[in-house]
């Protein structure tokens, strides 16, 4: 039995309304010339098409990478060491080279100050003392410290929501955890008030408890 030939050629496909070109692999019967996708080739071709799309439309722009690195006060060498790739690699990305899928994911994750801080803690031994000082004094790193212990919550909030919480915390001179706790207490009080207002007692009559009564009770409980 003769083995099939493996051929490759450029194909085009439309993804999210955009036509992209990618290199696809096929098998061809040497006897009849029929082309077909052997097991595994279909998945590989789909992956190739998705990667071609991501490279064109999902890769970070050079100026965005410079801004990201600057937010953490890091040099190209330090930033590359923290994320796990070298100085020359970061330099090439900032000049327009397209990151591979793994590095593209790392760069995307680095936008989250909490994740960047975790990567920094793992790799800070690879960079010098001056760079560590600059990074730890940077806006991005300080933002990560503000949300320390609340990383799971921070991941569920939008950038605008986090900015609002940070602004409110700064306005009343409290920490982020204290501000979040204040929001939780306020929301819990509102839910409790609604519950009490609509409560039906054994008489079958809906009886409302004045908000002032609930406030007084909570104040007494806090003072106890």
N, C-alpha and C. Protein backbone atom coordinates (compact mmCIF):
# COMPACT_ATOMS: atom_id res chain seq x y z
N UNK A 1 0.84 -1.20 0.00
CA UNK A 1 0.00 0.00 0.00
C UNK A 1 0.88 1.26 0.00
N UNK A 2 0.65 2.15 -0.97
CA UNK A 2 1.44 3.34 -1.10
C UNK A 2 0.98 4.41 -0.10
N UNK A 3 1.94 5.10 0.47
CA UNK A 3 1.61 6.15 1.42
C UNK A 3 1.06 7.38 0.69
N UNK A 4 0.17 8.09 1.36
CA UNK A 4 -0.40 9.31 0.77
C UNK A 4 0.62 10.43 0.85
N UNK A 5 0.49 11.39 -0.03
CA UNK A 5 1.34 12.58 0.00
C UNK A 5 0.72 13.63 0.92
N UNK A 6 1.55 14.35 1.62
CA UNK A 6 1.08 15.47 2.44
C UNK A 6 1.45 16.75 1.69
N UNK A 7 0.45 17.54 1.39
CA UNK A 7 0.67 18.80 0.66
C UNK A 7 0.20 19.96 1.53
N UNK A 8 0.68 21.14 1.23
CA UNK A 8 0.21 22.33 1.93
C UNK A 8 0.05 23.47 0.94
N UNK A 9 -0.91 24.31 1.20
CA UNK A 9 -1.16 25.47 0.34
C UNK A 9 -1.90 26.54 1.13
N UNK A 10 -1.88 27.72 0.61
CA UNK A 10 -2.57 28.82 1.27
C UNK A 10 -4.07 28.73 1.03
N UNK A 11 -4.82 28.84 2.10
CA UNK A 11 -6.27 28.85 2.03
C UNK A 11 -6.79 30.15 2.65
N UNK A 12 -8.00 30.51 2.35
CA UNK A 12 -8.62 31.70 2.93
C UNK A 12 -9.94 31.31 3.60
N UNK A 13 -10.20 31.96 4.72
CA UNK A 13 -11.42 31.69 5.46
C UNK A 13 -11.86 32.98 6.13
N UNK A 14 -13.15 33.10 6.38
CA UNK A 14 -13.68 34.30 7.04
C UNK A 14 -13.96 33.99 8.50
N UNK A 15 -13.35 34.76 9.38
CA UNK A 15 -13.55 34.63 10.83
C UNK A 15 -14.00 35.97 11.38
N UNK A 16 -15.13 35.98 12.03
CA UNK A 16 -15.69 37.21 12.62
C UNK A 16 -15.78 38.34 11.60
N UNK A 17 -16.19 37.95 10.39
CA UNK A 17 -16.40 38.95 9.34
C UNK A 17 -15.14 39.40 8.63
N UNK A 18 -13.99 38.81 8.94
CA UNK A 18 -12.74 39.21 8.33
C UNK A 18 -12.10 38.03 7.61
N UNK A 19 -11.68 38.26 6.38
CA UNK A 19 -11.04 37.19 5.61
C UNK A 19 -9.56 37.12 5.96
N UNK A 20 -9.11 35.95 6.29
CA UNK A 20 -7.69 35.77 6.62
C UNK A 20 -7.13 34.61 5.80
N UNK A 21 -5.84 34.68 5.55
CA UNK A 21 -5.15 33.62 4.80
C UNK A 21 -4.30 32.81 5.78
N UNK A 22 -4.24 31.52 5.57
CA UNK A 22 -3.43 30.65 6.42
C UNK A 22 -2.94 29.47 5.60
N UNK A 23 -1.93 28.79 6.11
CA UNK A 23 -1.37 27.63 5.42
C UNK A 23 -2.06 26.37 5.95
N UNK A 24 -2.70 25.63 5.04
CA UNK A 24 -3.42 24.42 5.41
C UNK A 24 -2.69 23.19 4.86
N UNK A 25 -2.83 22.10 5.57
CA UNK A 25 -2.22 20.84 5.16
C UNK A 25 -3.30 19.83 4.76
N UNK A 26 -3.05 19.12 3.68
CA UNK A 26 -3.98 18.11 3.18
C UNK A 26 -3.20 16.84 2.82
N UNK A 27 -3.94 15.77 2.63
CA UNK A 27 -3.35 14.53 2.14
C UNK A 27 -3.85 14.29 0.71
N UNK A 28 -3.01 13.68 -0.11
CA UNK A 28 -3.41 13.42 -1.50
C UNK A 28 -3.06 11.98 -1.86
N UNK A 29 -4.02 11.31 -2.45
CA UNK A 29 -3.81 9.93 -2.88
C UNK A 29 -2.90 9.93 -4.11
N UNK A 30 -1.77 9.23 -4.08
CA UNK A 30 -0.83 9.23 -5.21
C UNK A 30 -1.38 8.50 -6.44
N UNK A 31 -2.43 7.72 -6.23
CA UNK A 31 -2.98 6.95 -7.35
C UNK A 31 -4.02 7.74 -8.13
N UNK A 32 -5.03 8.26 -7.40
CA UNK A 32 -6.12 8.97 -8.08
C UNK A 32 -6.01 10.49 -7.99
N UNK A 33 -5.12 10.97 -7.13
CA UNK A 33 -4.95 12.41 -7.00
C UNK A 33 -5.98 13.10 -6.12
N UNK A 34 -6.86 12.33 -5.51
CA UNK A 34 -7.89 12.93 -4.65
C UNK A 34 -7.25 13.52 -3.39
N UNK A 35 -7.70 14.71 -3.02
CA UNK A 35 -7.21 15.37 -1.81
C UNK A 35 -8.24 15.25 -0.70
N UNK A 36 -7.74 15.08 0.50
CA UNK A 36 -8.64 14.95 1.64
C UNK A 36 -7.88 15.34 2.90
N UNK A 37 -8.65 15.60 3.98
CA UNK A 37 -8.04 15.92 5.28
C UNK A 37 -7.99 14.65 6.11
N UNK A 38 -6.78 14.20 6.39
CA UNK A 38 -6.60 13.00 7.19
C UNK A 38 -6.91 13.31 8.65
N UNK A 39 -7.13 12.26 9.48
CA UNK A 39 -7.39 12.49 10.91
C UNK A 39 -6.31 13.39 11.54
N UNK A 40 -6.75 14.40 12.21
CA UNK A 40 -5.82 15.34 12.84
C UNK A 40 -5.54 16.57 12.00
N UNK A 41 -5.64 16.45 10.66
CA UNK A 41 -5.37 17.60 9.81
C UNK A 41 -6.46 18.66 9.91
N UNK A 42 -7.70 18.24 10.08
CA UNK A 42 -8.79 19.20 10.20
C UNK A 42 -8.59 20.09 11.42
N UNK A 43 -8.30 19.46 12.56
CA UNK A 43 -8.07 20.24 13.78
C UNK A 43 -6.85 21.14 13.64
N UNK A 44 -5.79 20.61 13.00
CA UNK A 44 -4.59 21.41 12.82
C UNK A 44 -4.86 22.61 11.91
N UNK A 45 -5.67 22.42 10.88
CA UNK A 45 -6.00 23.52 9.98
C UNK A 45 -6.86 24.57 10.68
N UNK A 46 -7.78 24.12 11.52
CA UNK A 46 -8.60 25.06 12.28
C UNK A 46 -7.72 25.89 13.22
N UNK A 47 -6.78 25.22 13.90
CA UNK A 47 -5.86 25.93 14.79
C UNK A 47 -5.01 26.94 14.02
N UNK A 48 -4.58 26.54 12.82
CA UNK A 48 -3.76 27.42 12.00
C UNK A 48 -4.55 28.66 11.59
N UNK A 49 -5.83 28.47 11.26
CA UNK A 49 -6.67 29.61 10.87
C UNK A 49 -6.91 30.54 12.06
N UNK A 50 -7.17 29.96 13.23
CA UNK A 50 -7.39 30.78 14.42
C UNK A 50 -6.14 31.57 14.78
N UNK A 51 -4.98 30.93 14.67
CA UNK A 51 -3.72 31.61 15.01
C UNK A 51 -3.44 32.73 14.02
N UNK A 52 -3.76 32.51 12.75
CA UNK A 52 -3.56 33.56 11.74
C UNK A 52 -4.43 34.77 12.08
N UNK A 53 -5.66 34.50 12.51
CA UNK A 53 -6.57 35.60 12.90
C UNK A 53 -6.03 36.32 14.13
N UNK A 54 -5.62 35.56 15.13
CA UNK A 54 -5.12 36.16 16.38
C UNK A 54 -3.88 36.99 16.11
N UNK A 55 -2.99 36.51 15.23
CA UNK A 55 -1.77 37.25 14.93
C UNK A 55 -2.07 38.59 14.28
N UNK A 56 -3.11 38.61 13.45
CA UNK A 56 -3.45 39.84 12.74
C UNK A 56 -4.27 40.81 13.59
N UNK A 57 -5.21 40.29 14.37
CA UNK A 57 -6.19 41.17 15.00
C UNK A 57 -6.19 41.15 16.53
N UNK A 58 -5.45 40.24 17.15
CA UNK A 58 -5.47 40.17 18.60
C UNK A 58 -4.10 40.41 19.23
N UNK A 59 -3.08 40.62 18.43
CA UNK A 59 -1.76 40.89 18.96
C UNK A 59 -1.69 42.34 19.44
N UNK A 60 -1.04 42.59 20.57
CA UNK A 60 -0.95 43.96 21.09
C UNK A 60 -0.11 44.85 20.18
N UNK A 61 -0.52 46.10 20.04
CA UNK A 61 0.22 47.05 19.22
C UNK A 61 1.52 47.43 19.94
N UNK A 62 2.57 47.76 19.20
CA UNK A 62 3.85 48.13 19.82
C UNK A 62 3.72 49.23 20.86
N UNK A 63 2.92 50.27 20.53
CA UNK A 63 2.78 51.38 21.48
C UNK A 63 2.05 50.94 22.75
N UNK A 64 1.16 49.96 22.62
CA UNK A 64 0.46 49.44 23.80
C UNK A 64 1.42 48.67 24.70
N UNK A 65 2.37 47.97 24.10
CA UNK A 65 3.35 47.23 24.88
C UNK A 65 4.29 48.17 25.62
N UNK A 66 4.68 49.25 24.96
CA UNK A 66 5.54 50.25 25.62
C UNK A 66 4.81 50.86 26.81
N UNK A 67 3.51 51.17 26.62
CA UNK A 67 2.71 51.75 27.70
C UNK A 67 2.55 50.78 28.86
N UNK A 68 2.36 49.50 28.54
CA UNK A 68 2.20 48.48 29.58
C UNK A 68 3.48 48.36 30.39
N UNK A 69 4.60 48.27 29.71
CA UNK A 69 5.88 48.14 30.41
C UNK A 69 6.18 49.39 31.25
N UNK A 70 5.87 50.55 30.69
CA UNK A 70 6.11 51.80 31.40
C UNK A 70 5.24 51.92 32.65
N UNK A 71 4.06 51.35 32.59
CA UNK A 71 3.16 51.41 33.76
C UNK A 71 3.80 50.75 34.97
N UNK A 72 4.64 49.74 34.72
CA UNK A 72 5.31 49.05 35.82
C UNK A 72 6.74 49.54 36.04
N UNK A 73 7.13 50.59 35.32
CA UNK A 73 8.45 51.16 35.50
C UNK A 73 9.59 50.23 35.17
N UNK A 74 9.37 49.30 34.26
CA UNK A 74 10.36 48.25 33.96
C UNK A 74 11.08 48.51 32.65
N UNK A 75 12.34 48.17 32.62
CA UNK A 75 13.10 48.19 31.36
C UNK A 75 12.68 46.99 30.52
N UNK A 76 13.09 46.97 29.26
CA UNK A 76 12.76 45.83 28.40
C UNK A 76 13.34 44.54 28.98
N UNK A 77 14.58 44.62 29.46
CA UNK A 77 15.23 43.44 30.01
C UNK A 77 14.51 42.93 31.25
N UNK A 78 14.16 43.84 32.17
CA UNK A 78 13.48 43.44 33.41
C UNK A 78 12.09 42.90 33.12
N UNK A 79 11.38 43.57 32.23
CA UNK A 79 10.01 43.14 31.90
C UNK A 79 10.02 41.76 31.27
N UNK A 80 10.97 41.55 30.35
CA UNK A 80 11.08 40.24 29.72
C UNK A 80 11.42 39.15 30.71
N UNK A 81 12.30 39.46 31.66
CA UNK A 81 12.69 38.47 32.67
C UNK A 81 11.52 38.11 33.57
N UNK A 82 10.71 39.10 33.91
CA UNK A 82 9.56 38.86 34.79
C UNK A 82 8.53 37.98 34.10
N UNK A 83 8.30 38.23 32.80
CA UNK A 83 7.29 37.46 32.08
C UNK A 83 7.84 36.14 31.55
N UNK A 84 9.15 35.98 31.58
CA UNK A 84 9.71 34.69 31.18
C UNK A 84 10.31 34.66 29.79
N UNK A 85 10.48 35.82 29.14
CA UNK A 85 11.20 35.84 27.88
C UNK A 85 12.23 36.96 27.90
N UNK A 86 13.16 36.94 26.97
CA UNK A 86 14.34 37.79 27.06
C UNK A 86 14.17 39.22 26.59
N UNK A 87 15.22 40.01 26.82
CA UNK A 87 15.23 41.42 26.45
C UNK A 87 15.04 41.60 24.96
N UNK A 88 15.75 40.81 24.15
CA UNK A 88 15.65 40.95 22.70
C UNK A 88 14.25 40.64 22.20
N UNK A 89 13.59 39.69 22.87
CA UNK A 89 12.22 39.34 22.48
C UNK A 89 11.28 40.51 22.70
N UNK A 90 11.38 41.15 23.87
CA UNK A 90 10.53 42.30 24.17
C UNK A 90 10.83 43.45 23.22
N UNK A 91 12.10 43.63 22.91
CA UNK A 91 12.49 44.70 21.99
C UNK A 91 11.87 44.48 20.62
N UNK A 92 11.88 43.23 20.16
CA UNK A 92 11.31 42.93 18.84
C UNK A 92 9.80 43.15 18.82
N UNK A 93 9.13 42.83 19.92
CA UNK A 93 7.68 43.04 19.98
C UNK A 93 7.35 44.53 19.92
N UNK A 94 8.17 45.33 20.59
CA UNK A 94 7.92 46.77 20.61
C UNK A 94 8.27 47.43 19.28
N UNK A 95 8.94 46.67 18.42
CA UNK A 95 9.25 47.17 17.08
C UNK A 95 8.28 46.62 16.03
N UNK A 96 7.30 45.82 16.49
CA UNK A 96 6.27 45.34 15.57
C UNK A 96 6.22 43.86 15.31
N UNK A 97 7.14 43.08 15.88
CA UNK A 97 7.09 41.63 15.69
C UNK A 97 5.85 41.07 16.38
N UNK A 98 5.31 39.97 15.83
CA UNK A 98 4.09 39.37 16.37
C UNK A 98 4.44 38.33 17.43
N UNK A 99 3.94 38.48 18.66
CA UNK A 99 4.23 37.49 19.71
C UNK A 99 3.63 36.13 19.37
N UNK A 100 4.30 35.06 19.79
CA UNK A 100 3.73 33.72 19.60
C UNK A 100 2.58 33.55 20.59
N UNK A 101 1.76 32.51 20.44
CA UNK A 101 0.57 32.36 21.29
C UNK A 101 0.86 32.39 22.78
N UNK A 102 1.94 31.74 23.22
CA UNK A 102 2.26 31.70 24.65
C UNK A 102 2.62 33.08 25.18
N UNK A 103 3.50 33.77 24.47
CA UNK A 103 3.91 35.10 24.91
C UNK A 103 2.77 36.11 24.80
N UNK A 104 1.90 35.92 23.80
CA UNK A 104 0.75 36.81 23.67
C UNK A 104 -0.15 36.68 24.90
N UNK A 105 -0.31 35.46 25.39
CA UNK A 105 -1.12 35.23 26.59
C UNK A 105 -0.45 35.88 27.81
N UNK A 106 0.86 35.73 27.94
CA UNK A 106 1.57 36.33 29.07
C UNK A 106 1.44 37.84 29.07
N UNK A 107 1.55 38.44 27.90
CA UNK A 107 1.40 39.90 27.79
C UNK A 107 -0.01 40.34 28.16
N UNK A 108 -0.99 39.55 27.76
CA UNK A 108 -2.38 39.87 28.11
C UNK A 108 -2.59 39.77 29.62
N UNK A 109 -2.04 38.73 30.23
CA UNK A 109 -2.18 38.54 31.68
C UNK A 109 -1.48 39.66 32.45
N UNK A 110 -0.39 40.18 31.90
CA UNK A 110 0.38 41.22 32.59
C UNK A 110 -0.39 42.51 32.74
N UNK A 111 -1.49 42.68 31.99
CA UNK A 111 -2.31 43.88 32.15
C UNK A 111 -2.98 43.91 33.53
N UNK A 112 -3.17 42.74 34.12
CA UNK A 112 -3.77 42.66 35.45
C UNK A 112 -2.66 42.86 36.48
N UNK A 113 -2.72 43.95 37.26
CA UNK A 113 -1.65 44.21 38.24
C UNK A 113 -1.43 43.07 39.22
N UNK A 114 -2.51 42.40 39.61
CA UNK A 114 -2.38 41.29 40.55
C UNK A 114 -1.60 40.14 39.97
N UNK A 115 -1.85 39.82 38.70
CA UNK A 115 -1.13 38.73 38.04
C UNK A 115 0.32 39.14 37.79
N UNK A 116 0.52 40.40 37.38
CA UNK A 116 1.89 40.87 37.17
C UNK A 116 2.68 40.79 38.47
N UNK A 117 2.06 41.17 39.57
CA UNK A 117 2.75 41.11 40.85
C UNK A 117 3.16 39.67 41.18
N UNK A 118 2.27 38.71 40.89
CA UNK A 118 2.60 37.31 41.16
C UNK A 118 3.79 36.86 40.31
N UNK A 119 3.82 37.27 39.04
CA UNK A 119 4.95 36.92 38.17
C UNK A 119 6.23 37.60 38.66
N UNK A 120 6.07 38.83 39.14
CA UNK A 120 7.22 39.58 39.67
C UNK A 120 7.81 38.87 40.89
N UNK A 121 6.96 38.43 41.80
CA UNK A 121 7.44 37.77 43.01
C UNK A 121 8.20 36.48 42.66
N UNK A 122 7.79 35.82 41.60
CA UNK A 122 8.46 34.58 41.19
C UNK A 122 9.82 34.84 40.55
N UNK A 123 9.94 35.95 39.84
CA UNK A 123 11.13 36.17 39.01
C UNK A 123 11.96 37.39 39.40
N UNK A 124 11.63 38.05 40.51
CA UNK A 124 12.36 39.28 40.86
C UNK A 124 13.83 39.03 41.13
N UNK A 125 14.20 37.80 41.46
CA UNK A 125 15.60 37.48 41.69
C UNK A 125 16.44 37.57 40.42
N UNK A 126 15.78 37.64 39.25
CA UNK A 126 16.50 37.69 37.98
C UNK A 126 16.84 39.12 37.56
N UNK A 127 16.34 40.11 38.31
CA UNK A 127 16.59 41.50 37.93
C UNK A 127 17.33 42.23 39.05
N UNK A 128 17.94 43.36 38.71
CA UNK A 128 18.75 44.10 39.66
C UNK A 128 17.95 44.88 40.69
N UNK A 129 18.66 45.35 41.72
CA UNK A 129 18.00 46.05 42.83
C UNK A 129 17.37 47.36 42.39
N UNK A 130 18.03 48.10 41.50
CA UNK A 130 17.48 49.39 41.05
C UNK A 130 16.18 49.18 40.29
N UNK A 131 16.15 48.16 39.43
CA UNK A 131 14.92 47.86 38.70
C UNK A 131 13.81 47.44 39.64
N UNK A 132 14.14 46.66 40.66
CA UNK A 132 13.11 46.24 41.63
C UNK A 132 12.52 47.46 42.33
N UNK A 133 13.36 48.41 42.69
CA UNK A 133 12.88 49.62 43.35
C UNK A 133 11.94 50.41 42.44
N UNK A 134 12.31 50.53 41.18
CA UNK A 134 11.48 51.28 40.23
C UNK A 134 10.14 50.59 40.02
N UNK A 135 10.17 49.28 39.90
CA UNK A 135 8.93 48.53 39.67
C UNK A 135 8.02 48.63 40.89
N UNK A 136 8.58 48.45 42.08
CA UNK A 136 7.76 48.47 43.30
C UNK A 136 7.21 49.85 43.62
N UNK A 137 7.80 50.90 43.02
CA UNK A 137 7.29 52.26 43.21
C UNK A 137 6.37 52.69 42.08
N UNK A 138 6.15 51.81 41.10
CA UNK A 138 5.36 52.18 39.92
C UNK A 138 3.87 52.18 40.20
N UNK A 139 3.15 52.88 39.35
CA UNK A 139 1.68 52.97 39.47
C UNK A 139 1.03 51.60 39.39
N UNK A 140 1.49 50.78 38.45
CA UNK A 140 0.88 49.46 38.27
C UNK A 140 1.10 48.55 39.45
N UNK A 141 2.31 48.56 40.00
CA UNK A 141 2.61 47.68 41.13
C UNK A 141 1.86 48.12 42.38
N UNK A 142 1.77 49.43 42.60
CA UNK A 142 1.03 49.94 43.76
C UNK A 142 -0.45 49.58 43.66
N UNK A 143 -0.98 49.60 42.43
CA UNK A 143 -2.38 49.19 42.22
C UNK A 143 -2.57 47.74 42.63
N UNK A 144 -1.58 46.90 42.36
CA UNK A 144 -1.67 45.49 42.77
C UNK A 144 -1.69 45.37 44.29
N UNK A 145 -0.90 46.19 44.97
CA UNK A 145 -0.86 46.15 46.43
C UNK A 145 -2.20 46.57 47.02
N UNK A 146 -2.85 47.53 46.38
CA UNK A 146 -4.16 48.00 46.87
C UNK A 146 -5.18 46.87 46.92
N UNK A 147 -5.08 45.95 45.96
CA UNK A 147 -6.06 44.87 45.86
C UNK A 147 -5.53 43.56 46.44
N UNK A 148 -4.44 43.64 47.19
CA UNK A 148 -3.88 42.44 47.79
C UNK A 148 -4.89 41.75 48.69
N UNK A 149 -5.11 40.45 48.49
CA UNK A 149 -6.09 39.70 49.25
C UNK A 149 -7.47 39.70 48.61
N UNK A 150 -7.65 40.56 47.60
CA UNK A 150 -8.95 40.65 46.92
C UNK A 150 -8.80 40.35 45.43
N UNK A 151 -7.80 39.54 45.09
CA UNK A 151 -7.53 39.27 43.68
C UNK A 151 -8.73 38.64 42.97
N UNK A 152 -9.41 37.71 43.65
CA UNK A 152 -10.56 37.04 43.02
C UNK A 152 -11.67 38.05 42.73
N UNK A 153 -11.91 38.96 43.68
CA UNK A 153 -12.93 39.99 43.46
C UNK A 153 -12.50 40.93 42.34
N UNK A 154 -11.24 41.34 42.35
CA UNK A 154 -10.75 42.27 41.33
C UNK A 154 -10.91 41.70 39.94
N UNK A 155 -10.74 40.38 39.79
CA UNK A 155 -10.86 39.75 38.48
C UNK A 155 -12.28 39.78 37.94
N UNK A 156 -13.26 39.98 38.83
CA UNK A 156 -14.66 40.02 38.41
C UNK A 156 -15.14 41.43 38.09
N UNK A 157 -14.34 42.44 38.42
CA UNK A 157 -14.72 43.83 38.22
C UNK A 157 -14.12 44.38 36.93
N UNK A 158 -14.82 45.34 36.34
CA UNK A 158 -14.27 46.02 35.17
C UNK A 158 -13.25 47.06 35.63
N UNK A 159 -12.47 47.55 34.70
CA UNK A 159 -11.49 48.58 35.04
C UNK A 159 -12.16 49.82 35.61
N UNK A 160 -13.32 50.18 35.06
CA UNK A 160 -14.04 51.36 35.53
C UNK A 160 -14.54 51.16 36.95
N UNK A 161 -15.04 49.96 37.26
CA UNK A 161 -15.52 49.67 38.60
C UNK A 161 -14.39 49.74 39.62
N UNK A 162 -13.23 49.20 39.26
CA UNK A 162 -12.09 49.25 40.18
C UNK A 162 -11.62 50.69 40.38
N UNK A 163 -11.62 51.48 39.31
CA UNK A 163 -11.22 52.88 39.43
C UNK A 163 -12.17 53.64 40.37
N UNK A 164 -13.46 53.35 40.29
CA UNK A 164 -14.43 54.02 41.15
C UNK A 164 -14.19 53.67 42.61
N UNK A 165 -13.95 52.39 42.88
CA UNK A 165 -13.68 51.97 44.26
C UNK A 165 -12.40 52.62 44.78
N UNK A 166 -11.37 52.65 43.94
CA UNK A 166 -10.09 53.26 44.35
C UNK A 166 -10.26 54.75 44.62
N UNK A 167 -11.06 55.43 43.77
CA UNK A 167 -11.29 56.87 43.96
C UNK A 167 -12.04 57.14 45.26
N UNK A 168 -13.06 56.33 45.52
CA UNK A 168 -13.84 56.51 46.76
C UNK A 168 -12.98 56.23 47.99
N UNK A 169 -12.13 55.22 47.90
CA UNK A 169 -11.25 54.89 49.02
C UNK A 169 -10.28 56.03 49.29
N UNK A 170 -9.74 56.61 48.22
CA UNK A 170 -8.80 57.73 48.37
C UNK A 170 -9.51 58.96 48.96
N UNK A 171 -10.78 59.14 48.56
CA UNK A 171 -11.54 60.30 49.01
C UNK A 171 -11.77 60.29 50.52
N UNK A 172 -12.00 59.10 51.08
CA UNK A 172 -12.27 59.00 52.52
C UNK A 172 -11.05 58.47 53.29
N UNK A 173 -9.91 58.38 52.58
CA UNK A 173 -8.64 57.97 53.19
C UNK A 173 -8.73 56.61 53.88
N UNK A 174 -9.24 55.61 53.13
CA UNK A 174 -9.26 54.24 53.66
C UNK A 174 -8.67 53.30 52.64
N UNK A 175 -8.44 52.07 53.04
CA UNK A 175 -7.86 51.08 52.13
C UNK A 175 -8.95 50.51 51.21
N UNK A 176 -8.52 49.82 50.16
CA UNK A 176 -9.48 49.19 49.25
C UNK A 176 -10.33 48.15 49.99
N UNK A 177 -9.73 47.25 50.80
CA UNK A 177 -10.57 46.29 51.54
C UNK A 177 -11.59 46.97 52.44
N UNK A 178 -11.21 48.06 53.08
CA UNK A 178 -12.16 48.79 53.94
C UNK A 178 -13.30 49.38 53.13
N UNK A 179 -12.98 49.90 51.94
CA UNK A 179 -14.02 50.48 51.09
C UNK A 179 -14.97 49.40 50.58
N UNK A 180 -14.42 48.25 50.18
CA UNK A 180 -15.26 47.14 49.72
C UNK A 180 -16.15 46.66 50.85
N UNK A 181 -15.60 46.56 52.07
CA UNK A 181 -16.40 46.15 53.22
C UNK A 181 -17.54 47.12 53.48
N UNK A 182 -17.28 48.42 53.28
CA UNK A 182 -18.33 49.42 53.48
C UNK A 182 -19.46 49.22 52.48
N UNK A 183 -19.10 48.91 51.22
CA UNK A 183 -20.11 48.63 50.20
C UNK A 183 -20.94 47.40 50.58
N UNK A 184 -20.26 46.37 51.05
CA UNK A 184 -20.96 45.12 51.43
C UNK A 184 -21.92 45.38 52.58
N UNK A 185 -21.45 46.12 53.60
CA UNK A 185 -22.32 46.42 54.74
C UNK A 185 -23.55 47.22 54.30
N UNK A 186 -23.34 48.20 53.42
CA UNK A 186 -24.45 49.03 52.94
C UNK A 186 -25.46 48.19 52.16
N UNK A 187 -24.95 47.30 51.30
CA UNK A 187 -25.84 46.44 50.51
C UNK A 187 -26.59 45.47 51.41
N UNK A 188 -25.90 44.92 52.42
CA UNK A 188 -26.56 43.99 53.35
C UNK A 188 -27.65 44.68 54.13
N UNK A 189 -27.39 45.91 54.55
CA UNK A 189 -28.38 46.68 55.31
C UNK A 189 -29.62 46.94 54.46
N UNK A 190 -29.42 47.29 53.18
CA UNK A 190 -30.56 47.54 52.30
C UNK A 190 -31.40 46.28 52.11
N UNK A 191 -30.72 45.13 51.90
CA UNK A 191 -31.45 43.87 51.74
C UNK A 191 -32.21 43.53 53.02
N UNK A 192 -31.59 43.77 54.17
CA UNK A 192 -32.23 43.46 55.46
C UNK A 192 -33.44 44.36 55.67
N UNK A 193 -33.32 45.63 55.30
CA UNK A 193 -34.42 46.57 55.45
C UNK A 193 -35.61 46.16 54.59
N UNK A 194 -35.33 45.74 53.35
CA UNK A 194 -36.40 45.30 52.45
C UNK A 194 -37.09 44.06 53.02
N UNK A 195 -36.31 43.15 53.59
CA UNK A 195 -36.86 41.94 54.16
C UNK A 195 -37.79 42.27 55.32
N UNK A 196 -37.34 43.17 56.20
CA UNK A 196 -38.14 43.53 57.36
C UNK A 196 -39.41 44.28 56.96
N UNK A 197 -39.30 45.12 55.93
CA UNK A 197 -40.46 45.89 55.48
C UNK A 197 -41.55 44.99 54.94
N UNK A 198 -41.17 43.87 54.31
CA UNK A 198 -42.14 42.98 53.69
C UNK A 198 -42.45 41.74 54.53
N UNK A 199 -41.95 41.72 55.77
CA UNK A 199 -42.14 40.54 56.61
C UNK A 199 -43.61 40.35 56.98
N UNK A 200 -44.07 39.11 56.96
CA UNK A 200 -45.44 38.77 57.37
C UNK A 200 -45.36 37.98 58.67
N UNK A 201 -45.95 38.51 59.70
CA UNK A 201 -45.88 37.89 61.01
C UNK A 201 -47.03 36.90 61.20
N UNK A 202 -47.10 36.27 62.37
CA UNK A 202 -48.09 35.23 62.62
C UNK A 202 -49.52 35.73 62.50
N UNK A 203 -49.73 37.04 62.60
CA UNK A 203 -51.08 37.59 62.47
C UNK A 203 -51.54 37.61 61.03
N UNK A 204 -50.58 37.36 60.09
CA UNK A 204 -50.94 37.38 58.67
C UNK A 204 -50.90 38.78 58.09
N UNK A 205 -50.49 39.75 58.90
CA UNK A 205 -50.45 41.13 58.44
C UNK A 205 -49.01 41.53 58.14
N UNK A 206 -48.78 42.14 56.98
CA UNK A 206 -47.45 42.61 56.65
C UNK A 206 -47.12 43.81 57.51
N UNK A 207 -46.06 43.71 58.24
CA UNK A 207 -45.70 44.77 59.15
C UNK A 207 -44.34 45.33 58.78
N UNK A 208 -44.24 46.62 58.63
CA UNK A 208 -42.98 47.27 58.29
C UNK A 208 -42.28 47.74 59.55
N UNK A 209 -40.99 47.50 59.62
CA UNK A 209 -40.20 48.00 60.72
C UNK A 209 -39.47 49.24 60.23
N UNK A 210 -39.65 50.37 60.87
CA UNK A 210 -39.02 51.60 60.41
C UNK A 210 -37.52 51.43 60.27
N UNK A 211 -36.97 52.08 59.25
CA UNK A 211 -35.54 51.98 59.01
C UNK A 211 -34.75 52.48 60.20
N UNK A 212 -35.30 53.48 60.92
CA UNK A 212 -34.58 54.03 62.07
C UNK A 212 -34.42 52.97 63.15
N UNK A 213 -35.41 52.07 63.27
CA UNK A 213 -35.32 51.01 64.28
C UNK A 213 -34.20 50.05 63.94
N UNK A 214 -34.10 49.71 62.65
CA UNK A 214 -33.05 48.80 62.21
C UNK A 214 -31.69 49.45 62.39
N UNK A 215 -31.63 50.74 62.05
CA UNK A 215 -30.37 51.47 62.19
C UNK A 215 -29.92 51.48 63.63
N UNK A 216 -30.87 51.73 64.54
CA UNK A 216 -30.55 51.78 65.96
C UNK A 216 -30.06 50.42 66.45
N UNK A 217 -30.73 49.36 65.99
CA UNK A 217 -30.34 48.01 66.41
C UNK A 217 -28.95 47.65 65.92
N UNK A 218 -28.64 48.01 64.67
CA UNK A 218 -27.33 47.72 64.13
C UNK A 218 -26.24 48.52 64.84
N UNK A 219 -26.57 49.78 65.16
CA UNK A 219 -25.62 50.62 65.87
C UNK A 219 -25.34 50.06 67.26
N UNK A 220 -26.40 49.57 67.90
CA UNK A 220 -26.24 48.99 69.25
C UNK A 220 -25.39 47.73 69.16
N UNK A 221 -25.65 46.93 68.11
CA UNK A 221 -24.91 45.68 67.94
C UNK A 221 -23.42 45.97 67.69
N UNK A 222 -23.15 47.01 66.89
CA UNK A 222 -21.76 47.36 66.59
C UNK A 222 -21.03 47.87 67.83
N UNK A 223 -21.79 48.54 68.71
CA UNK A 223 -21.17 49.12 69.90
C UNK A 223 -20.95 48.07 70.98
N UNK A 224 -21.65 46.95 70.87
CA UNK A 224 -21.55 45.91 71.90
C UNK A 224 -20.21 45.20 71.86
